N, C-alpha and C. Protein backbone atom coordinates (compact mmCIF):
# COMPACT_ATOMS: atom_id res chain seq x y z
N MET A 1 -13.80 -81.54 -18.13
CA MET A 1 -13.08 -80.52 -17.18
C MET A 1 -11.87 -79.84 -17.81
N THR A 2 -11.23 -80.63 -18.47
CA THR A 2 -9.93 -79.95 -19.23
C THR A 2 -10.33 -78.74 -20.23
N HIS A 3 -11.51 -79.07 -20.92
CA HIS A 3 -11.94 -78.20 -21.73
C HIS A 3 -12.55 -76.92 -21.03
N ASN A 4 -13.19 -77.14 -20.01
CA ASN A 4 -13.60 -76.15 -19.11
C ASN A 4 -12.51 -75.30 -18.55
N GLY A 5 -11.56 -76.00 -18.12
CA GLY A 5 -10.30 -75.28 -17.57
C GLY A 5 -9.51 -74.43 -18.63
N SER A 6 -9.48 -75.07 -19.91
CA SER A 6 -8.97 -74.37 -21.04
C SER A 6 -9.68 -73.06 -21.34
N ALA A 7 -11.00 -73.25 -21.42
CA ALA A 7 -11.90 -72.11 -21.70
C ALA A 7 -11.68 -71.02 -20.60
N MET A 8 -11.56 -71.45 -19.35
CA MET A 8 -11.37 -70.48 -18.33
C MET A 8 -9.95 -69.71 -18.43
N THR A 9 -8.89 -70.31 -18.74
CA THR A 9 -7.70 -69.87 -18.99
C THR A 9 -7.82 -68.85 -20.12
N HIS A 10 -8.37 -69.22 -21.26
CA HIS A 10 -8.61 -68.40 -22.48
C HIS A 10 -9.30 -67.09 -22.04
N ASN A 11 -10.35 -67.26 -21.22
CA ASN A 11 -11.28 -66.22 -20.69
C ASN A 11 -10.30 -65.22 -19.84
N GLY A 12 -9.56 -65.86 -18.93
CA GLY A 12 -8.70 -64.91 -18.09
C GLY A 12 -7.66 -64.20 -18.94
N SER A 13 -7.12 -64.74 -20.05
CA SER A 13 -6.14 -64.08 -20.88
C SER A 13 -6.75 -63.05 -21.65
N ALA A 14 -8.01 -63.39 -22.01
CA ALA A 14 -8.86 -62.14 -22.71
C ALA A 14 -8.96 -60.98 -21.85
N MET A 15 -9.40 -61.36 -20.52
CA MET A 15 -9.65 -60.29 -19.48
C MET A 15 -8.23 -59.42 -19.23
N THR A 16 -7.16 -60.25 -19.20
CA THR A 16 -5.85 -59.60 -19.03
C THR A 16 -5.48 -58.64 -20.14
N GLN A 17 -5.76 -59.15 -21.35
CA GLN A 17 -5.60 -58.28 -22.68
C GLN A 17 -6.54 -57.09 -22.42
N GLU A 18 -7.75 -57.22 -22.20
CA GLU A 18 -8.55 -55.99 -22.09
C GLU A 18 -8.09 -55.08 -20.96
N ASP A 19 -7.61 -55.54 -19.87
CA ASP A 19 -7.18 -54.66 -18.79
C ASP A 19 -5.79 -53.93 -19.29
N SER A 20 -4.93 -54.55 -20.04
CA SER A 20 -3.93 -54.24 -20.68
C SER A 20 -4.15 -52.95 -21.70
N THR A 21 -5.26 -53.16 -22.46
CA THR A 21 -5.70 -52.21 -23.42
C THR A 21 -6.47 -51.02 -22.66
N MET A 22 -7.12 -51.22 -21.60
CA MET A 22 -7.57 -50.13 -20.80
C MET A 22 -6.47 -49.36 -20.14
N THR A 23 -5.52 -49.90 -19.72
CA THR A 23 -4.44 -49.26 -19.03
C THR A 23 -3.78 -48.33 -19.98
N GLN A 24 -3.43 -48.92 -21.17
CA GLN A 24 -2.92 -48.20 -22.44
C GLN A 24 -3.84 -46.93 -22.74
N GLU A 25 -4.96 -47.24 -22.89
CA GLU A 25 -5.83 -46.09 -23.16
C GLU A 25 -6.04 -45.01 -22.18
N ASP A 26 -6.00 -45.43 -20.82
CA ASP A 26 -5.79 -44.44 -19.77
C ASP A 26 -4.58 -43.52 -19.93
N SER A 27 -3.38 -44.29 -20.17
CA SER A 27 -2.14 -43.76 -20.28
C SER A 27 -2.20 -42.67 -21.42
N THR A 28 -2.83 -43.16 -22.64
CA THR A 28 -2.93 -42.21 -23.86
C THR A 28 -3.63 -40.87 -23.44
N MET A 29 -4.84 -41.18 -22.75
CA MET A 29 -5.75 -40.07 -22.34
C MET A 29 -4.90 -39.06 -21.42
N THR A 30 -4.10 -39.70 -20.46
CA THR A 30 -3.45 -38.85 -19.52
C THR A 30 -2.37 -38.00 -20.35
N HIS A 31 -1.62 -38.71 -21.35
CA HIS A 31 -0.73 -38.16 -22.10
C HIS A 31 -1.32 -36.83 -22.95
N TYR A 32 -2.53 -37.20 -23.48
CA TYR A 32 -3.31 -36.30 -24.36
C TYR A 32 -3.59 -35.02 -23.45
N GLY A 33 -4.05 -35.37 -22.18
CA GLY A 33 -4.54 -34.17 -21.24
C GLY A 33 -3.34 -33.38 -20.94
N SER A 34 -2.31 -34.05 -20.71
CA SER A 34 -1.01 -33.15 -20.35
C SER A 34 -0.53 -32.45 -21.57
N THR A 35 -0.62 -33.10 -22.69
CA THR A 35 -0.33 -32.25 -23.91
C THR A 35 -1.21 -31.08 -24.12
N MET A 36 -2.52 -31.38 -23.86
CA MET A 36 -3.37 -30.13 -23.98
C MET A 36 -3.18 -29.03 -22.89
N THR A 37 -2.91 -29.45 -21.71
CA THR A 37 -2.43 -28.44 -20.83
C THR A 37 -1.44 -27.64 -21.19
N HIS A 38 -0.43 -28.35 -21.53
CA HIS A 38 1.07 -27.59 -22.15
C HIS A 38 0.62 -26.71 -23.18
N TYR A 39 -0.21 -27.07 -24.19
CA TYR A 39 -0.66 -26.47 -25.25
C TYR A 39 -1.33 -25.11 -24.76
N GLY A 40 -2.37 -25.33 -23.79
CA GLY A 40 -3.11 -24.23 -23.19
C GLY A 40 -2.03 -23.23 -22.66
N SER A 41 -1.08 -23.66 -21.79
CA SER A 41 -0.12 -22.81 -21.33
C SER A 41 0.65 -22.00 -22.11
N THR A 42 1.01 -22.79 -23.31
CA THR A 42 1.79 -22.14 -24.44
C THR A 42 1.10 -20.99 -25.05
N MET A 43 -0.38 -21.14 -25.25
CA MET A 43 -1.29 -20.29 -25.89
C MET A 43 -1.27 -18.98 -24.93
N THR A 44 -1.61 -19.17 -23.66
CA THR A 44 -1.71 -18.23 -22.72
C THR A 44 -0.40 -17.35 -22.73
N HIS A 45 0.80 -17.95 -22.64
CA HIS A 45 2.08 -17.31 -22.63
C HIS A 45 2.30 -16.43 -23.94
N TYR A 46 1.65 -17.01 -25.12
CA TYR A 46 1.79 -16.34 -26.49
C TYR A 46 0.83 -15.10 -26.49
N GLY A 47 -0.35 -15.37 -25.76
CA GLY A 47 -1.28 -14.22 -25.79
C GLY A 47 -0.93 -13.12 -24.86
N SER A 48 -0.08 -13.54 -23.83
CA SER A 48 0.32 -12.42 -22.99
C SER A 48 1.62 -11.66 -23.52
N THR A 49 2.39 -12.45 -24.47
CA THR A 49 3.47 -11.87 -25.13
C THR A 49 2.73 -10.85 -26.14
N MET A 50 1.81 -11.27 -26.89
CA MET A 50 1.25 -10.36 -27.90
C MET A 50 0.79 -9.14 -27.17
N THR A 51 0.01 -9.28 -25.99
CA THR A 51 -0.45 -8.13 -25.26
C THR A 51 0.72 -7.05 -24.95
N HIS A 52 1.69 -7.76 -24.49
CA HIS A 52 2.89 -6.95 -24.08
C HIS A 52 3.51 -6.23 -25.35
N TYR A 53 3.38 -6.86 -26.47
CA TYR A 53 3.97 -6.44 -27.69
C TYR A 53 2.97 -5.17 -28.15
N GLY A 54 1.81 -5.34 -28.01
CA GLY A 54 0.72 -4.38 -28.42
C GLY A 54 0.86 -3.22 -27.47
N SER A 55 1.22 -3.44 -26.34
CA SER A 55 1.47 -2.32 -25.37
C SER A 55 2.63 -1.55 -25.75
N THR A 56 3.58 -2.28 -26.07
CA THR A 56 4.85 -1.62 -26.51
C THR A 56 4.63 -0.67 -27.66
N LEU A 57 3.85 -1.36 -28.70
CA LEU A 57 3.68 -0.52 -30.03
C LEU A 57 2.95 0.80 -29.56
N THR A 58 1.84 0.56 -28.73
CA THR A 58 0.94 1.73 -28.32
C THR A 58 1.88 2.86 -27.73
N GLN A 59 2.85 2.41 -26.89
CA GLN A 59 3.67 3.40 -26.11
C GLN A 59 4.41 4.15 -27.29
N GLU A 60 5.08 3.30 -28.22
CA GLU A 60 5.87 3.88 -29.36
C GLU A 60 5.08 4.80 -29.96
N GLY A 61 3.81 4.42 -30.46
CA GLY A 61 3.03 5.55 -31.09
C GLY A 61 2.72 6.76 -30.31
N SER A 62 2.47 6.61 -28.93
CA SER A 62 2.43 7.84 -28.10
C SER A 62 3.66 8.73 -28.20
N THR A 63 4.78 8.06 -28.20
CA THR A 63 6.10 8.70 -28.12
C THR A 63 6.21 9.44 -29.51
N MET A 64 5.93 8.80 -30.64
CA MET A 64 5.99 9.43 -31.95
C MET A 64 4.98 10.58 -31.98
N THR A 65 3.78 10.42 -31.39
CA THR A 65 2.91 11.65 -31.34
C THR A 65 3.53 12.70 -30.65
N LEU A 66 4.10 12.33 -29.47
CA LEU A 66 4.63 13.48 -28.76
C LEU A 66 5.69 14.21 -29.54
N HIS A 67 6.76 13.42 -30.05
CA HIS A 67 7.80 13.95 -30.84
C HIS A 67 7.17 14.91 -31.97
N SER A 68 6.24 14.37 -32.73
CA SER A 68 5.54 15.15 -33.73
C SER A 68 5.06 16.52 -33.27
N ALA A 69 4.42 16.41 -32.14
CA ALA A 69 3.79 17.75 -31.55
C ALA A 69 4.88 18.63 -31.09
N LEU A 70 6.12 18.18 -30.61
CA LEU A 70 7.26 18.86 -30.23
C LEU A 70 7.67 19.54 -31.44
N LEU A 71 7.92 18.71 -32.53
CA LEU A 71 8.57 19.34 -33.86
C LEU A 71 7.62 20.34 -34.32
N SER A 72 6.37 20.14 -34.31
CA SER A 72 5.31 21.20 -34.90
C SER A 72 5.41 22.53 -33.93
N SER A 73 5.56 22.18 -32.79
CA SER A 73 5.69 23.56 -32.05
C SER A 73 7.04 24.34 -32.24
N LEU A 74 8.23 23.62 -32.38
CA LEU A 74 9.27 24.09 -32.66
C LEU A 74 9.25 24.75 -33.94
N ASN A 75 8.68 24.27 -35.00
CA ASN A 75 8.58 24.68 -36.33
C ASN A 75 7.72 25.99 -36.30
N ALA A 76 6.68 25.94 -35.56
CA ALA A 76 5.81 27.05 -35.62
C ALA A 76 6.45 28.21 -34.74
N ILE A 77 7.38 28.05 -33.73
CA ILE A 77 8.10 29.09 -33.06
C ILE A 77 9.24 29.60 -34.11
N TYR A 78 9.81 28.70 -34.96
CA TYR A 78 10.84 29.09 -35.76
C TYR A 78 10.22 30.01 -36.88
N VAL A 79 9.07 29.58 -37.34
CA VAL A 79 8.34 30.29 -38.45
C VAL A 79 8.01 31.76 -38.02
N GLN A 80 7.52 31.85 -36.83
CA GLN A 80 7.10 33.07 -36.08
C GLN A 80 8.14 34.06 -35.66
N THR A 81 9.38 33.48 -35.74
CA THR A 81 10.47 34.35 -35.20
C THR A 81 11.10 35.29 -36.30
N PRO A 82 11.24 36.37 -36.28
CA PRO A 82 11.86 37.25 -37.37
C PRO A 82 13.27 36.77 -37.86
N VAL A 83 13.43 36.98 -39.16
CA VAL A 83 14.61 36.54 -39.73
C VAL A 83 15.93 37.08 -39.00
N ILE A 84 15.93 38.13 -38.78
CA ILE A 84 17.15 38.83 -38.14
C ILE A 84 17.47 37.95 -36.84
N SER A 85 16.37 37.77 -36.02
CA SER A 85 16.71 37.07 -34.73
C SER A 85 17.16 35.61 -35.02
N ARG A 86 16.55 35.01 -36.14
CA ARG A 86 17.23 33.74 -36.44
C ARG A 86 18.76 33.78 -36.73
N LEU A 87 19.07 34.84 -37.61
CA LEU A 87 20.31 34.83 -37.95
C LEU A 87 21.40 35.28 -36.82
N LEU A 88 20.84 36.02 -35.91
CA LEU A 88 21.61 36.26 -34.50
C LEU A 88 21.85 35.06 -33.78
N VAL A 89 20.90 34.21 -33.64
CA VAL A 89 20.89 32.82 -33.03
C VAL A 89 21.94 31.90 -33.64
N ILE A 90 21.96 31.98 -34.92
CA ILE A 90 22.92 31.06 -35.82
C ILE A 90 24.23 31.74 -35.65
């Protein structure tokens, strides 16, 4: 009976160790899931920042195109204006 009791104690100890391992695995998986969620959130934020940056660059490009068009118009007006008028304006 003592041998049987000892075997039962050993068995119980092994079960406790297995439970502990399972709990640790669950905890690791929870931590991993939380890390992945944080990573996904960071990637979403990064994507949103990149979209905003792209939008800003597009806006800057539009502004530069507008400036270029205005300068071309002013240049065309200047070229078409007679020299005497230009001297009078200056």
